[in-house]
Amino acid sequence: MRSSDEIPELARRIRAWAVIADEVGVDLHLETSLDPAGSVELLERVANDRVWLTYDIGNSVQFGYRADEELPVYGPRIGSVHVKDAIRGGTTVRVGTGHADFEYCFGYLAALGYRGDFVIKGARVAGADDVELAREYRAFVLRHL
């Protein structure tokens, strides 16, 4: 979803799913391409404590958003975090080599008291062993935590 024009209809649909999620005791985490104001509007229209935002660090970079402008708006509405790096306006790259401000992101989340999941969604690298790359990404995240 990229347009705020879609928010009312999407919110209506999510509200229906949120009722079911509440009945079975699960949370819904939304990852959108909306700007901070649109993301908050969507959550406010859904108005259900089972619905959270997934903050994708790399996607935000790709869409041209800034962590220091997004995270304070999202605050405690963040339910999960995707750890990924990217080039602003470009593609996903090896974690730690793009434009993502991991220092700010992890620092802000720590100050917020965030205790949710971190999902590493690092880029594959041609010629690199996937298992070793996963270990590298894990070590990167642990250093920042």
Protein backbone atom coordinates (compact mmCIF):
# COMPACT_ATOMS: atom_id res chain seq x y z
CA MET A 1 0.00 0.00 0.00
CA ARG A 2 1.48 3.30 -1.04
CA SER A 3 -1.37 5.78 -1.09
CA SER A 4 -3.17 7.32 1.86
CA ASP A 5 -6.34 7.16 -0.28
CA GLU A 6 -6.40 3.43 0.44
CA ILE A 7 -6.34 3.84 4.23
CA PRO A 8 -10.11 3.83 4.93
CA GLU A 9 -10.77 0.63 2.98
CA LEU A 10 -7.68 -1.10 4.32
CA ALA A 11 -8.58 -0.11 7.89
CA ARG A 12 -12.05 -1.56 7.42
CA ARG A 13 -10.58 -4.87 6.28
CA ILE A 14 -7.98 -4.98 9.04
CA ARG A 15 -10.64 -4.27 11.68
CA ALA A 16 -12.45 -7.42 10.57
CA TRP A 17 -9.26 -9.48 10.85
CA ALA A 18 -8.40 -7.84 14.17
CA VAL A 19 -11.63 -9.14 15.69
CA ILE A 20 -10.58 -12.67 14.76
CA ALA A 21 -7.02 -12.06 15.98
CA ASP A 22 -8.41 -10.89 19.31
CA GLU A 23 -10.60 -13.99 19.62
CA VAL A 24 -7.65 -16.34 19.09
CA GLY A 25 -5.10 -14.25 20.98
CA VAL A 26 -2.67 -13.27 18.24
CA ASP A 27 -1.32 -9.91 17.15
CA LEU A 28 -1.25 -8.47 13.64
CA HIS A 29 1.88 -6.58 12.55
CA LEU A 30 1.50 -4.29 9.55
CA GLU A 31 4.33 -3.39 7.23
CA THR A 32 3.35 -0.66 4.78
CA SER A 33 5.03 1.86 2.51
CA LEU A 34 3.07 4.71 4.04
CA ASP A 35 4.77 7.75 5.48
CA PRO A 36 4.67 8.17 9.28
CA ALA A 37 1.44 10.19 9.28
CA GLY A 38 -0.30 7.64 7.05
CA SER A 39 0.87 4.72 9.17
CA VAL A 40 -0.42 6.34 12.34
CA GLU A 41 -3.71 7.23 10.64
CA LEU A 42 -4.13 3.59 9.62
CA LEU A 43 -3.55 2.38 13.18
CA GLU A 44 -5.92 4.98 14.58
CA ARG A 45 -8.65 3.97 12.12
CA VAL A 46 -8.18 0.30 13.00
CA ALA A 47 -8.19 1.14 16.74
CA ASN A 48 -7.35 -2.32 18.04
CA ASP A 49 -4.67 -3.19 20.59
CA ARG A 50 -3.85 -6.35 18.63
CA VAL A 51 -2.63 -4.34 15.62
CA TRP A 52 0.95 -3.05 15.55
CA LEU A 53 3.46 -1.64 13.08
CA THR A 54 6.41 -3.56 11.74
CA TYR A 55 9.28 -1.13 11.33
CA ASP A 56 11.49 -2.21 8.42
CA ILE A 57 14.72 -0.24 8.70
CA GLY A 58 15.84 -0.94 5.11
CA ASN A 59 12.46 -0.29 3.52
CA SER A 60 12.28 3.08 5.23
CA VAL A 61 15.65 3.99 3.72
CA GLN A 62 14.53 2.82 0.29
CA PHE A 63 11.36 4.95 0.49
CA GLY A 64 13.41 7.99 1.52
CA TYR A 65 12.11 8.17 5.10
CA ARG A 66 14.37 9.10 8.01
CA ALA A 67 14.47 7.06 11.20
CA ASP A 68 14.75 10.18 13.37
CA GLU A 69 11.48 11.43 11.86
CA GLU A 70 9.64 8.08 11.85
CA LEU A 71 10.46 6.39 15.13
CA PRO A 72 9.32 9.23 17.41
CA VAL A 73 5.98 9.21 15.58
CA TYR A 74 5.57 5.43 15.81
CA GLY A 75 6.95 5.07 19.33
CA PRO A 76 5.21 2.32 21.29
CA ARG A 77 3.12 1.36 18.26
CA ILE A 78 6.07 -0.70 16.96
CA GLY A 79 5.44 -4.40 17.41
CA SER A 80 8.34 -5.86 15.41
CA VAL A 81 11.45 -4.69 13.61
CA HIS A 82 13.01 -5.91 10.37
CA VAL A 83 16.77 -5.38 10.33
CA LYS A 84 17.78 -4.64 6.77
CA ASP A 85 20.06 -2.13 5.09
CA ALA A 86 19.54 -0.34 1.80
CA ILE A 87 20.67 2.48 -0.41
CA ARG A 88 18.37 5.51 -0.24
CA GLY A 89 16.01 5.18 -3.16
CA GLY A 90 17.80 1.98 -4.23
CA THR A 91 18.18 -1.65 -3.33
CA THR A 92 18.86 -3.80 -0.29
CA VAL A 93 22.56 -4.18 0.52
CA ARG A 94 24.77 -6.03 2.99
CA VAL A 95 23.82 -4.98 6.52
CA GLY A 96 26.04 -2.13 7.66
CA THR A 97 27.03 -0.93 4.18
CA GLY A 98 24.03 1.20 3.19
CA HIS A 99 22.32 4.32 4.45
CA ALA A 100 20.40 2.86 7.40
CA ASP A 101 21.08 4.69 10.67
CA PHE A 102 21.36 1.62 12.89
CA GLU A 103 22.90 3.58 15.78
CA TYR A 104 19.84 5.80 15.97
CA CYS A 105 17.33 2.97 15.39
CA PHE A 106 18.70 0.63 18.02
CA GLY A 107 19.34 3.49 20.45
CA TYR A 108 15.82 4.82 20.08
CA LEU A 109 14.27 1.39 20.47
CA ALA A 110 16.34 0.73 23.59
CA ALA A 111 15.31 4.08 25.11
CA LEU A 112 11.70 3.25 24.27
CA GLY A 113 12.02 -0.04 26.15
CA TYR A 114 11.21 -2.04 23.02
CA ARG A 115 11.11 -5.77 23.78
CA GLY A 116 9.65 -7.12 20.52
CA ASP A 117 11.21 -9.24 17.84
CA PHE A 118 14.07 -8.29 15.56
CA VAL A 119 13.95 -10.18 12.26
CA ILE A 120 17.14 -10.03 10.23
CA LYS A 121 16.30 -9.59 6.56
CA GLY A 122 19.79 -8.94 5.27
CA ALA A 123 20.64 -9.06 1.60
CA ARG A 124 22.25 -12.08 0.04
CA VAL A 125 25.69 -11.32 -1.32
CA ALA A 126 27.04 -12.92 -4.48
CA GLY A 127 29.91 -15.25 -3.64
CA ALA A 128 29.27 -15.15 0.11
CA ASP A 129 28.27 -18.23 2.08
CA ASP A 130 24.70 -17.70 3.33
CA VAL A 131 25.38 -19.27 6.73
CA GLU A 132 28.46 -17.12 7.32
CA LEU A 133 26.56 -14.05 6.16
CA ALA A 134 23.75 -14.85 8.60
CA ARG A 135 26.33 -15.11 11.40
CA GLU A 136 27.80 -11.76 10.35
CA TYR A 137 24.37 -10.14 10.41
CA ARG A 138 23.55 -11.67 13.79
CA ALA A 139 26.84 -10.38 15.24
CA PHE A 140 26.09 -6.93 13.80
CA VAL A 141 22.70 -6.84 15.51
CA LEU A 142 24.11 -8.08 18.83
CA ARG A 143 26.78 -5.37 18.78
CA HIS A 144 24.06 -2.75 18.38
CA LEU A 145 21.84 -4.20 21.06
